[in-house]
Each structure stands twice: as structure tokens, then as C-alpha cells.
PDB file of N, CA and C in Angstrom:
ATOM      1  N   MET A   1       0.777  -1.168   0.118  1.00  0.00           N
ATOM      2  CA  MET A   1      -0.064  -0.049   0.032  1.00  0.00           C
ATOM      3  C   MET A   1       0.705   1.290  -0.059  1.00  0.00           C
ATOM      4  N   PRO A   2       0.795   2.060  -0.997  1.00  0.00           N
ATOM      5  CA  PRO A   2       1.565   3.330  -0.973  1.00  0.00           C
ATOM      6  C   PRO A   2       1.076   4.313  -0.050  1.00  0.00           C
ATOM      7  N   TYR A   3       2.026   5.001   0.583  1.00  0.00           N
ATOM      8  CA  TYR A   3       1.726   6.078   1.582  1.00  0.00           C
ATOM      9  C   TYR A   3       2.848   7.058   1.586  1.00  0.00           C
ATOM     10  N   GLN A   4       2.468   8.230   1.985  1.00  0.00           N
ATOM     11  CA  GLN A   4       3.531   9.245   2.070  1.00  0.00           C
ATOM     12  C   GLN A   4       3.498   9.700   3.580  1.00  0.00           C
ATOM     13  N   LEU A   5       4.596   9.722   4.230  1.00  0.00           N
ATOM     14  CA  LEU A   5       4.690  10.137   5.640  1.00  0.00           C
ATOM     15  C   LEU A   5       5.174  11.569   5.832  1.00  0.00           C
ATOM     16  N   VAL A   6       4.412  12.265   6.671  1.00  0.00           N
ATOM     17  CA  VAL A   6       4.722  13.685   6.868  1.00  0.00           C
ATOM     18  C   VAL A   6       4.966  13.859   8.310  1.00  0.00           C
ATOM     19  N   GLU A   7       6.172  14.365   8.678  1.00  0.00           N
ATOM     20  CA  GLU A   7       6.479  14.432  10.153  1.00  0.00           C
ATOM     21  C   GLU A   7       5.907  15.835  10.593  1.00  0.00           C
ATOM     22  N   VAL A   8       5.183  15.727  11.780  1.00  0.00           N
ATOM     23  CA  VAL A   8       4.731  17.118  12.350  1.00  0.00           C
ATOM     24  C   VAL A   8       5.793  17.534  13.300  1.00  0.00           C
ATOM     25  N   SER A   9       5.894  18.836  13.298  1.00  0.00           N
ATOM     26  CA  SER A   9       6.924  19.462  14.052  1.00  0.00           C
ATOM     27  C   SER A   9       7.090  19.179  15.519  1.00  0.00           C
ATOM     28  N   THR A  10       5.917  19.373  16.160  1.00  0.00           N
ATOM     29  CA  THR A  10       5.849  19.222  17.664  1.00  0.00           C
ATOM     30  C   THR A  10       4.670  18.386  18.171  1.00  0.00           C
ATOM     31  N   ALA A  11       4.700  18.021  19.550  1.00  0.00           N
ATOM     32  CA  ALA A  11       3.627  17.183  19.964  1.00  0.00           C
ATOM     33  C   ALA A  11       2.364  17.980  20.200  1.00  0.00           C
ATOM     34  N   THR A  12       2.504  19.220  20.290  1.00  0.00           N
ATOM     35  CA  THR A  12       1.430  20.194  20.490  1.00  0.00           C
ATOM     36  C   THR A  12       0.938  20.919  19.209  1.00  0.00           C
ATOM     37  N   ALA A  13       1.364  20.460  18.105  1.00  0.00           N
ATOM     38  CA  ALA A  13       0.945  21.164  16.774  1.00  0.00           C
ATOM     39  C   ALA A  13      -0.505  20.696  16.488  1.00  0.00           C
ATOM     40  N   ASN A  14      -1.251  21.639  16.024  1.00  0.00           N
ATOM     41  CA  ASN A  14      -2.644  21.268  15.368  1.00  0.00           C
ATOM     42  C   ASN A  14      -2.416  20.640  14.154  1.00  0.00           C
ATOM     43  N   VAL A  15      -3.202  19.724  13.697  1.00  0.00           N
ATOM     44  CA  VAL A  15      -3.196  19.130  12.348  1.00  0.00           C
ATOM     45  C   VAL A  15      -4.540  19.351  11.575  1.00  0.00           C
ATOM     46  N   CYS A  16      -4.328  19.945  10.353  1.00  0.00           N
ATOM     47  CA  CYS A  16      -5.569  20.220   9.584  1.00  0.00           C
ATOM     48  C   CYS A  16      -5.437  19.151   8.382  1.00  0.00           C
ATOM     49  N   CYS A  17      -6.675  18.899   7.860  1.00  0.00           N
ATOM     50  CA  CYS A  17      -6.743  17.993   6.726  1.00  0.00           C
ATOM     51  C   CYS A  17      -6.112  18.648   5.562  1.00  0.00           C
ATOM     52  N   PRO A  18      -5.408  17.976   4.871  1.00  0.00           N
ATOM     53  CA  PRO A  18      -4.588  18.513   3.682  1.00  0.00           C
ATOM     54  C   PRO A  18      -5.599  18.678   2.465  1.00  0.00           C
ATOM     55  N   TYR A  19      -6.831  18.100   2.500  1.00  0.00           N
ATOM     56  CA  TYR A  19      -7.757  18.253   1.493  1.00  0.00           C
ATOM     57  C   TYR A  19      -8.839  19.283   1.822  1.00  0.00           C
ATOM     58  N   CYS A  20      -9.387  19.302   2.974  1.00  0.00           N
ATOM     59  CA  CYS A  20     -10.303  20.442   3.149  1.00  0.00           C
ATOM     60  C   CYS A  20     -10.055  21.364   4.237  1.00  0.00           C
ATOM     61  N   ASP A  21      -8.889  21.206   4.716  1.00  0.00           N
ATOM     62  CA  ASP A  21      -8.276  22.158   5.787  1.00  0.00           C
ATOM     63  C   ASP A  21      -8.989  22.189   7.132  1.00  0.00           C
ATOM     64  N   HIS A  22      -9.939  21.207   7.324  1.00  0.00           N
ATOM     65  CA  HIS A  22     -10.571  20.933   8.649  1.00  0.00           C
ATOM     66  C   HIS A  22      -9.604  20.754   9.807  1.00  0.00           C
ATOM     67  N   ALA A  23      -9.681  21.347  10.894  1.00  0.00           N
ATOM     68  CA  ALA A  23      -8.827  21.089  12.073  1.00  0.00           C
ATOM     69  C   ALA A  23      -9.067  19.713  12.650  1.00  0.00           C
ATOM     70  N   VAL A  24      -8.463  18.687  12.145  1.00  0.00           N
ATOM     71  CA  VAL A  24      -8.774  17.362  12.753  1.00  0.00           C
ATOM     72  C   VAL A  24      -8.112  16.992  14.118  1.00  0.00           C
ATOM     73  N   LEU A  25      -7.138  17.862  14.490  1.00  0.00           N
ATOM     74  CA  LEU A  25      -6.478  17.777  15.823  1.00  0.00           C
ATOM     75  C   LEU A  25      -6.273  19.217  16.254  1.00  0.00           C
ATOM     76  N   ASP A  26      -7.066  19.678  17.124  1.00  0.00           N
ATOM     77  CA  ASP A  26      -7.107  21.103  17.493  1.00  0.00           C
ATOM     78  C   ASP A  26      -7.007  21.151  18.971  1.00  0.00           C
ATOM     79  N   TRP A  27      -5.824  21.342  19.649  1.00  0.00           N
ATOM     80  CA  TRP A  27      -5.489  21.511  21.005  1.00  0.00           C
ATOM     81  C   TRP A  27      -6.235  22.454  21.741  1.00  0.00           C
ATOM     82  N   GLU A  28      -6.888  23.517  21.111  1.00  0.00           N
ATOM     83  CA  GLU A  28      -7.512  24.517  21.814  1.00  0.00           C
ATOM     84  C   GLU A  28      -9.041  24.141  22.131  1.00  0.00           C
ATOM     85  N   GLN A  29      -9.487  23.048  21.595  1.00  0.00           N
ATOM     86  CA  GLN A  29     -10.840  22.567  21.741  1.00  0.00           C
ATOM     87  C   GLN A  29     -10.935  21.546  22.848  1.00  0.00           C
ATOM     88  N   GLU A  30     -12.040  21.487  23.557  1.00  0.00           N
ATOM     89  CA  GLU A  30     -12.166  20.421  24.534  1.00  0.00           C
ATOM     90  C   GLU A  30     -12.198  19.075  23.967  1.00  0.00           C
ATOM     91  N   GLN A  31     -12.884  18.923  22.836  1.00  0.00           N
ATOM     92  CA  GLN A  31     -12.952  17.654  21.992  1.00  0.00           C
ATOM     93  C   GLN A  31     -11.887  17.947  20.940  1.00  0.00           C
ATOM     94  N   TYR A  32     -10.676  17.639  21.307  1.00  0.00           N
ATOM     95  CA  TYR A  32      -9.511  18.056  20.342  1.00  0.00           C
ATOM     96  C   TYR A  32      -9.465  17.125  19.035  1.00  0.00           C
ATOM     97  N   ILE A  33     -10.143  16.063  19.116  1.00  0.00           N
ATOM     98  CA  ILE A  33     -10.092  15.277  17.843  1.00  0.00           C
ATOM     99  C   ILE A  33     -11.395  15.411  17.214  1.00  0.00           C
ATOM    100  N   GLN A  34     -11.335  15.822  15.913  1.00  0.00           N
ATOM    101  CA  GLN A  34     -12.578  16.124  15.259  1.00  0.00           C
ATOM    102  C   GLN A  34     -12.316  15.712  13.661  1.00  0.00           C
ATOM    103  N   PRO A  35     -12.467  14.343  13.435  1.00  0.00           N
ATOM    104  CA  PRO A  35     -12.241  13.813  12.069  1.00  0.00           C
ATOM    105  C   PRO A  35     -13.152  14.458  11.117  1.00  0.00           C
ATOM    106  N   CYS A  36     -12.552  14.572   9.835  1.00  0.00           N
ATOM    107  CA  CYS A  36     -13.401  14.989   8.785  1.00  0.00           C
ATOM    108  C   CYS A  36     -13.712  13.843   7.762  1.00  0.00           C
ATOM    109  N   GLU A  37     -14.272  14.065   6.729  1.00  0.00           N
ATOM    110  CA  GLU A  37     -14.556  12.941   5.828  1.00  0.00           C
ATOM    111  C   GLU A  37     -13.372  12.290   5.176  1.00  0.00           C
ATOM    112  N   HIS A  38     -12.187  13.001   5.158  1.00  0.00           N
ATOM    113  CA  HIS A  38     -11.048  12.422   4.684  1.00  0.00           C
ATOM    114  C   HIS A  38     -10.111  11.719   5.686  1.00  0.00           C
ATOM    115  N   THR A  39     -10.472  11.760   6.870  1.00  0.00           N
ATOM    116  CA  THR A  39      -9.718  11.060   7.889  1.00  0.00           C
ATOM    117  C   THR A  39      -9.980   9.572   7.917  1.00  0.00           C
ATOM    118  N   LEU A  40      -8.889   8.779   7.803  1.00  0.00           N
ATOM    119  CA  LEU A  40      -9.064   7.329   7.765  1.00  0.00           C
ATOM    120  C   LEU A  40      -8.949   6.871   9.173  1.00  0.00           C
ATOM    121  N   PHE A  41      -7.909   7.398   9.964  1.00  0.00           N
ATOM    122  CA  PHE A  41      -7.703   6.999  11.368  1.00  0.00           C
ATOM    123  C   PHE A  41      -6.967   7.982  12.086  1.00  0.00           C
ATOM    124  N   ILE A  42      -7.015   7.957  13.421  1.00  0.00           N
ATOM    125  CA  ILE A  42      -6.213   8.736  14.351  1.00  0.00           C
ATOM    126  C   ILE A  42      -5.804   7.639  15.338  1.00  0.00           C
ATOM    127  N   ALA A  43      -4.485   7.421  15.459  1.00  0.00           N
ATOM    128  CA  ALA A  43      -4.019   6.372  16.387  1.00  0.00           C
ATOM    129  C   ALA A  43      -2.782   6.890  17.084  1.00  0.00           C
ATOM    130  N   MET A  44      -2.452   6.255  18.234  1.00  0.00           N
ATOM    131  CA  MET A  44      -1.315   6.442  18.973  1.00  0.00           C
ATOM    132  C   MET A  44      -0.566   5.034  18.944  1.00  0.00           C
ATOM    133  N   ASP A  45       0.574   4.939  19.399  1.00  0.00           N
ATOM    134  CA  ASP A  45       1.224   3.622  19.546  1.00  0.00           C
ATOM    135  C   ASP A  45       0.542   2.778  20.548  1.00  0.00           C
ATOM    136  N   LEU A  46      -0.279   3.439  21.270  1.00  0.00           N
ATOM    137  CA  LEU A  46      -1.076   2.726  22.379  1.00  0.00           C
ATOM    138  C   LEU A  46      -2.428   2.107  21.792  1.00  0.00           C
ATOM    139  N   GLY A  47      -2.868   2.542  20.675  1.00  0.00           N
ATOM    140  CA  GLY A  47      -4.060   2.059  20.047  1.00  0.00           C
ATOM    141  C   GLY A  47      -4.740   3.132  19.244  1.00  0.00           C
ATOM    142  N   PHE A  48      -5.891   2.786  18.785  1.00  0.00           N
ATOM    143  CA  PHE A  48      -6.788   3.645  17.862  1.00  0.00           C
ATOM    144  C   PHE A  48      -7.471   4.561  18.736  1.00  0.00           C
ATOM    145  N   GLU A  49      -7.514   5.871  18.301  1.00  0.00           N
ATOM    146  CA  GLU A  49      -8.486   6.800  18.943  1.00  0.00           C
ATOM    147  C   GLU A  49      -9.731   6.935  18.097  1.00  0.00           C
ATOM    148  N   TYR A  50      -9.567   6.924  16.701  1.00  0.00           N
ATOM    149  CA  TYR A  50     -10.666   6.912  15.680  1.00  0.00           C
ATOM    150  C   TYR A  50     -10.263   6.217  14.550  1.00  0.00           C
ATOM    151  N   ILE A  51     -11.248   5.422  13.988  1.00  0.00           N
ATOM    152  CA  ILE A  51     -10.949   4.742  12.737  1.00  0.00           C
ATOM    153  C   ILE A  51     -12.281   4.635  11.929  1.00  0.00           C
ATOM    154  N   ALA A  52     -12.005   5.180  10.691  1.00  0.00           N
ATOM    155  CA  ALA A  52     -13.270   5.121   9.694  1.00  0.00           C
ATOM    156  C   ALA A  52     -13.573   3.723   9.255  1.00  0.00           C
ATOM    157  N   ASP A  53     -14.863   3.325   9.049  1.00  0.00           N
ATOM    158  CA  ASP A  53     -15.381   1.994   8.785  1.00  0.00           C
ATOM    159  C   ASP A  53     -14.474   1.539   7.520  1.00  0.00           C
ATOM    160  N   ARG A  54     -14.433   2.448   6.499  1.00  0.00           N
ATOM    161  CA  ARG A  54     -13.850   2.078   5.211  1.00  0.00           C
ATOM    162  C   ARG A  54     -12.459   1.721   5.396  1.00  0.00           C
ATOM    163  N   PHE A  55     -11.660   2.243   6.402  1.00  0.00           N
ATOM    164  CA  PHE A  55     -10.320   1.838   6.626  1.00  0.00           C
ATOM    165  C   PHE A  55     -10.187   0.623   7.498  1.00  0.00           C
ATOM    166  N   GLU A  56     -11.097   0.515   8.355  1.00  0.00           N
ATOM    167  CA  GLU A  56     -11.099  -0.659   9.342  1.00  0.00           C
ATOM    168  C   GLU A  56     -11.297  -1.902   8.456  1.00  0.00           C
ATOM    169  N   GLU A  57     -12.104  -1.858   7.438  1.00  0.00           N
ATOM    170  CA  GLU A  57     -12.281  -3.071   6.625  1.00  0.00           C
ATOM    171  C   GLU A  57     -11.065  -3.392   5.769  1.00  0.00           C
ATOM    172  N   ALA A  58     -10.130  -2.391   5.598  1.00  0.00           N
ATOM    173  CA  ALA A  58      -8.876  -2.623   4.925  1.00  0.00           C
ATOM    174  C   ALA A  58      -7.741  -3.123   5.640  1.00  0.00           C
ATOM    175  N   LEU A  59      -7.899  -3.103   6.940  1.00  0.00           N
ATOM    176  CA  LEU A  59      -6.899  -3.773   7.860  1.00  0.00           C
ATOM    177  C   LEU A  59      -6.696  -5.196   7.759  1.00  0.00           C
ATOM    178  N   PRO A  60      -5.431  -5.654   8.040  1.00  0.00           N
ATOM    179  CA  PRO A  60      -5.202  -7.109   7.813  1.00  0.00           C
ATOM    180  C   PRO A  60      -5.755  -7.944   8.955  1.00  0.00           C
ATOM    181  N   GLN A  61      -6.184  -7.231  10.123  1.00  0.00           N
ATOM    182  CA  GLN A  61      -6.923  -8.002  11.251  1.00  0.00           C
ATOM    183  C   GLN A  61      -7.598  -7.020  11.949  1.00  0.00           C
ATOM    184  N   PRO A  62      -8.872  -7.474  12.636  1.00  0.00           N
ATOM    185  CA  PRO A  62      -9.717  -6.555  13.283  1.00  0.00           C
ATOM    186  C   PRO A  62      -9.002  -5.782  14.318  1.00  0.00           C
ATOM    187  N   VAL A  63      -9.438  -4.518  14.557  1.00  0.00           N
ATOM    188  CA  VAL A  63      -8.896  -3.547  15.615  1.00  0.00           C
ATOM    189  C   VAL A  63      -8.880  -4.254  16.901  1.00  0.00           C
ATOM    190  N   GLU A  64      -9.760  -5.127  17.324  1.00  0.00           N
ATOM    191  CA  GLU A  64      -9.815  -5.699  18.620  1.00  0.00           C
ATOM    192  C   GLU A  64      -8.637  -6.544  18.690  1.00  0.00           C
ATOM    193  N   GLU A  65      -8.258  -7.298  17.685  1.00  0.00           N
ATOM    194  CA  GLU A  65      -7.118  -8.223  17.794  1.00  0.00           C
ATOM    195  C   GLU A  65      -5.757  -7.279  17.786  1.00  0.00           C
ATOM    196  N   ILE A  66      -5.833  -6.212  17.192  1.00  0.00           N
ATOM    197  CA  ILE A  66      -4.627  -5.354  17.095  1.00  0.00           C
ATOM    198  C   ILE A  66      -4.332  -4.954  18.567  1.00  0.00           C
ATOM    199  N   HIS A  67      -5.512  -4.369  19.249  1.00  0.00           N
ATOM    200  CA  HIS A  67      -5.287  -3.816  20.561  1.00  0.00           C
ATOM    201  C   HIS A  67      -5.027  -4.853  21.533  1.00  0.00           C
ATOM    202  N   GLU A  68      -5.376  -6.210  21.373  1.00  0.00           N
ATOM    203  CA  GLU A  68      -5.217  -7.296  22.261  1.00  0.00           C
ATOM    204  C   GLU A  68      -3.726  -7.842  22.253  1.00  0.00           C
ATOM    205  N   ASP A  69      -3.021  -7.638  21.044  1.00  0.00           N
ATOM    206  CA  ASP A  69      -1.742  -8.162  20.699  1.00  0.00           C
ATOM    207  C   ASP A  69      -0.659  -7.435  21.726  1.00  0.00           C
ATOM    208  N   PRO A  70      -0.006  -8.285  22.527  1.00  0.00           N
ATOM    209  CA  PRO A  70       1.049  -7.664  23.488  1.00  0.00           C
ATOM    210  C   PRO A  70       2.152  -6.879  22.664  1.00  0.00           C
ATOM    211  N   ASN A  71       2.375  -7.280  21.388  1.00  0.00           N
ATOM    212  CA  ASN A  71       3.475  -6.696  20.572  1.00  0.00           C
ATOM    213  C   ASN A  71       2.860  -5.831  19.566  1.00  0.00           C
ATOM    214  N   MET A  72       1.824  -5.152  19.948  1.00  0.00           N
ATOM    215  CA  MET A  72       1.062  -4.230  18.997  1.00  0.00           C
ATOM    216  C   MET A  72       2.035  -3.204  18.386  1.00  0.00           C
ATOM    217  N   ASN A  73       1.891  -3.078  17.103  1.00  0.00           N
ATOM    218  CA  ASN A  73       2.644  -2.104  16.390  1.00  0.00           C
ATOM    219  C   ASN A  73       1.658  -1.422  15.498  1.00  0.00           C
ATOM    220  N   ILE A  74       0.997  -0.235  15.938  1.00  0.00           N
ATOM    221  CA  ILE A  74       0.089   0.474  15.151  1.00  0.00           C
ATOM    222  C   ILE A  74       0.568   0.893  13.823  1.00  0.00           C
ATOM    223  N   PHE A  75       1.752   1.583  13.752  1.00  0.00           N
ATOM    224  CA  PHE A  75       2.140   1.969  12.424  1.00  0.00           C
ATOM    225  C   PHE A  75       2.389   0.694  11.493  1.00  0.00           C
ATOM    226  N   LEU A  76       2.881  -0.297  11.816  1.00  0.00           N
ATOM    227  CA  LEU A  76       2.939  -1.506  10.916  1.00  0.00           C
ATOM    228  C   LEU A  76       1.527  -1.949  10.483  1.00  0.00           C
ATOM    229  N   SER A  77       0.632  -1.985  11.352  1.00  0.00           N
ATOM    230  CA  SER A  77      -0.650  -2.331  11.077  1.00  0.00           C
ATOM    231  C   SER A  77      -1.396  -1.416  10.063  1.00  0.00           C
ATOM    232  N   VAL A  78      -1.249  -0.141  10.250  1.00  0.00           N
ATOM    233  CA  VAL A  78      -1.893   0.728   9.268  1.00  0.00           C
ATOM    234  C   VAL A  78      -1.286   0.910   8.033  1.00  0.00           C
ATOM    235  N   THR A  79       0.009   0.597   7.996  1.00  0.00           N
ATOM    236  CA  THR A  79       0.791   0.615   6.719  1.00  0.00           C
ATOM    237  C   THR A  79       0.656  -0.754   5.894  1.00  0.00           C
ATOM    238  N   GLN A  80       0.114  -1.767   6.505  1.00  0.00           N
ATOM    239  CA  GLN A  80      -0.133  -3.013   5.922  1.00  0.00           C
ATOM    240  C   GLN A  80      -1.553  -3.120   5.431  1.00  0.00           C
ATOM    241  N   ALA A  81      -2.390  -2.043   5.609  1.00  0.00           N
ATOM    242  CA  ALA A  81      -3.745  -1.972   5.219  1.00  0.00           C
ATOM    243  C   ALA A  81      -3.839  -2.096   3.710  1.00  0.00           C
ATOM    244  N   ASN A  82      -4.921  -2.646   3.277  1.00  0.00           N
ATOM    245  CA  ASN A  82      -5.036  -2.832   1.765  1.00  0.00           C
ATOM    246  C   ASN A  82      -5.932  -1.569   1.355  1.00  0.00           C
ATOM    247  N   TYR A  83      -5.112  -0.454   1.281  1.00  0.00           N
ATOM    248  CA  TYR A  83      -5.766   0.795   0.925  1.00  0.00           C
ATOM    249  C   TYR A  83      -4.912   1.524  -0.130  1.00  0.00           C
ATOM    250  N   ALA A  84      -5.624   2.099  -1.161  1.00  0.00           N
ATOM    251  CA  ALA A  84      -4.807   2.542  -2.397  1.00  0.00           C
ATOM    252  C   ALA A  84      -3.703   3.537  -2.056  1.00  0.00           C
ATOM    253  N   VAL A  85      -4.111   4.601  -1.542  1.00  0.00           N
ATOM    254  CA  VAL A  85      -3.128   5.743  -1.324  1.00  0.00           C
ATOM    255  C   VAL A  85      -3.533   6.362   0.091  1.00  0.00           C
ATOM    256  N   MET A  86      -2.460   6.646   0.771  1.00  0.00           N
ATOM    257  CA  MET A  86      -2.631   7.422   2.047  1.00  0.00           C
ATOM    258  C   MET A  86      -1.585   8.444   2.333  1.00  0.00           C
ATOM    259  N   LEU A  87      -2.029   9.480   3.003  1.00  0.00           N
ATOM    260  CA  LEU A  87      -1.062  10.412   3.550  1.00  0.00           C
ATOM    261  C   LEU A  87      -1.157  10.282   5.116  1.00  0.00           C
ATOM    262  N   ILE A  88      -0.035   9.976   5.687  1.00  0.00           N
ATOM    263  CA  ILE A  88       0.035   9.785   7.168  1.00  0.00           C
ATOM    264  C   ILE A  88       0.855  10.830   7.799  1.00  0.00           C
ATOM    265  N   TYR A  89       0.256  11.516   8.798  1.00  0.00           N
ATOM    266  CA  TYR A  89       0.837  12.493   9.525  1.00  0.00           C
ATOM    267  C   TYR A  89       1.527  11.767  10.903  1.00  0.00           C
ATOM    268  N   LYS A  90       2.636  11.974  11.166  1.00  0.00           N
ATOM    269  CA  LYS A  90       3.254  11.402  12.414  1.00  0.00           C
ATOM    270  C   LYS A  90       3.736  12.433  13.345  1.00  0.00           C
ATOM    271  N   ALA A  91       3.182  12.449  14.615  1.00  0.00           N
ATOM    272  CA  ALA A  91       3.557  13.503  15.577  1.00  0.00           C
ATOM    273  C   ALA A  91       4.064  12.767  16.805  1.00  0.00           C
ATOM    274  N   ASP A  92       5.069  13.439  17.443  1.00  0.00           N
ATOM    275  CA  ASP A  92       5.673  12.983  18.759  1.00  0.00           C
ATOM    276  C   ASP A  92       4.586  13.074  19.732  1.00  0.00           C
ATOM    277  N   LEU A  93       4.408  12.189  20.639  1.00  0.00           N
ATOM    278  CA  LEU A  93       3.498  12.268  21.761  1.00  0.00           C
ATOM    279  C   LEU A  93       4.112  12.997  23.074  1.00  0.00           C
ATOM    280  N   GLY A  94       5.360  13.330  22.887  1.00  0.00           N
ATOM    281  CA  GLY A  94       6.106  13.904  24.105  1.00  0.00           C
ATOM    282  C   GLY A  94       6.643  12.977  24.960  1.00  0.00           C
ATOM    283  N   VAL A  95       6.349  11.646  24.723  1.00  0.00           N
ATOM    284  CA  VAL A  95       6.929  10.518  25.476  1.00  0.00           C
ATOM    285  C   VAL A  95       7.846   9.857  24.703  1.00  0.00           C
ATOM    286  N   GLU A  96       9.191   9.545  25.115  1.00  0.00           N
ATOM    287  CA  GLU A  96      10.145   8.981  24.249  1.00  0.00           C
ATOM    288  C   GLU A  96       9.683   7.768  23.497  1.00  0.00           C
ATOM    289  N   GLY A  97       9.763   7.814  22.184  1.00  0.00           N
ATOM    290  CA  GLY A  97       9.529   6.577  21.385  1.00  0.00           C
ATOM    291  C   GLY A  97       8.019   6.478  21.102  1.00  0.00           C
ATOM    292  N   MET A  98       7.221   7.316  21.424  1.00  0.00           N
ATOM    293  CA  MET A  98       5.691   7.220  21.245  1.00  0.00           C
ATOM    294  C   MET A  98       5.264   8.243  20.283  1.00  0.00           C
ATOM    295  N   PHE A  99       4.226   7.813  19.314  1.00  0.00           N
ATOM    296  CA  PHE A  99       3.916   8.822  18.306  1.00  0.00           C
ATOM    297  C   PHE A  99       2.334   8.733  18.099  1.00  0.00           C
ATOM    298  N   ARG A 100       1.729   9.661  17.608  1.00  0.00           N
ATOM    299  CA  ARG A 100       0.381   9.734  16.988  1.00  0.00           C
ATOM    300  C   ARG A 100       0.352   9.741  15.590  1.00  0.00           C
ATOM    301  N   TYR A 101      -0.520   8.927  14.881  1.00  0.00           N
ATOM    302  CA  TYR A 101      -0.592   8.819  13.379  1.00  0.00           C
ATOM    303  C   TYR A 101      -1.930   9.266  12.990  1.00  0.00           C
ATOM    304  N   ILE A 102      -1.998  10.095  12.066  1.00  0.00           N
ATOM    305  CA  ILE A 102      -3.311  10.463  11.457  1.00  0.00           C
ATOM    306  C   ILE A 102      -3.318  10.191  10.069  1.00  0.00           C
ATOM    307  N   GLY A 103      -4.145   9.283   9.397  1.00  0.00           N
ATOM    308  CA  GLY A 103      -4.187   8.917   8.088  1.00  0.00           C
ATOM    309  C   GLY A 103      -5.289   9.635   7.348  1.00  0.00           C
ATOM    310  N   PHE A 104      -4.905  10.085   6.172  1.00  0.00           N
ATOM    311  CA  PHE A 104      -5.897  10.725   5.262  1.00  0.00           C
ATOM    312  C   PHE A 104      -6.002  10.302   3.877  1.00  0.00           C
ATOM    313  N   ASN A 105      -6.982  10.353   3.199  1.00  0.00           N
ATOM    314  CA  ASN A 105      -7.189   9.841   1.887  1.00  0.00           C
ATOM    315  C   ASN A 105      -8.298  10.792   1.245  1.00  0.00           C
ATOM    316  N   GLN A 106      -7.986  11.198   0.025  1.00  0.00           N
ATOM    317  CA  GLN A 106      -8.775  12.264  -0.688  1.00  0.00           C
ATOM    318  C   GLN A 106     -10.101  11.699  -1.056  1.00  0.00           C
ATOM    319  N   ASN A 107     -10.299  10.504  -1.246  1.00  0.00           N
ATOM    320  CA  ASN A 107     -11.558   9.800  -1.752  1.00  0.00           C
ATOM    321  C   ASN A 107     -12.621   9.699  -0.622  1.00  0.00           C
TER     322      ASN A 107
END
């Protein structure tokens, strides 16, 4: 599955959809996660925070199995999805070695 990885500068940076400019991750809001129609998933190394049905269907295994796996690797799981093209934003969580990933697709 082809994807492009975009590194986000800081853990507290807001993330807007590259297609519609909607603030998908906005730290100034109480509900700071606000997916738009282009958002495929929002996940941390600890698990999924949001996943679109169309993307969940493309994963190699169900989300429940991914979360139950003691060796869970979210980034590997999302990059192995059977999805045509993706743009993945990667942001540091502020904890060493932990990241948040936000996947977008124009369709």
C-alpha cells in the first residue's frame, strides 16, 4: 500500500486535513479530535482513537485483535492495510518513542 509520511514538528501542533483544511487535531478545543470525511484513522502507539469504517475493513486484522496483541505495532498495522493511497501524519507524543498517526485519503 503506497503512503506518504509527513512528520509533524511538535507534539502540540494542530493538524489540519490536507484536502479540506478542517482542524482534525485542535488542542484549543475540549474535544480536540474532530475527524473530517478524509480522515481514515487517528491512532497512537497505544491504540486507535478513531477509525473510519472504510479503513477498518482494509486492515489485515480486526482492531480488537490489534489492541489485544502484546506486541502491537500500530504503524505497521496501518501501513499493511489494503488501501490504495494514504497520507500519514506522524507527531511525537512527548513521551520518548511514542507517536500519534493520522491517516488521510482524498476519496
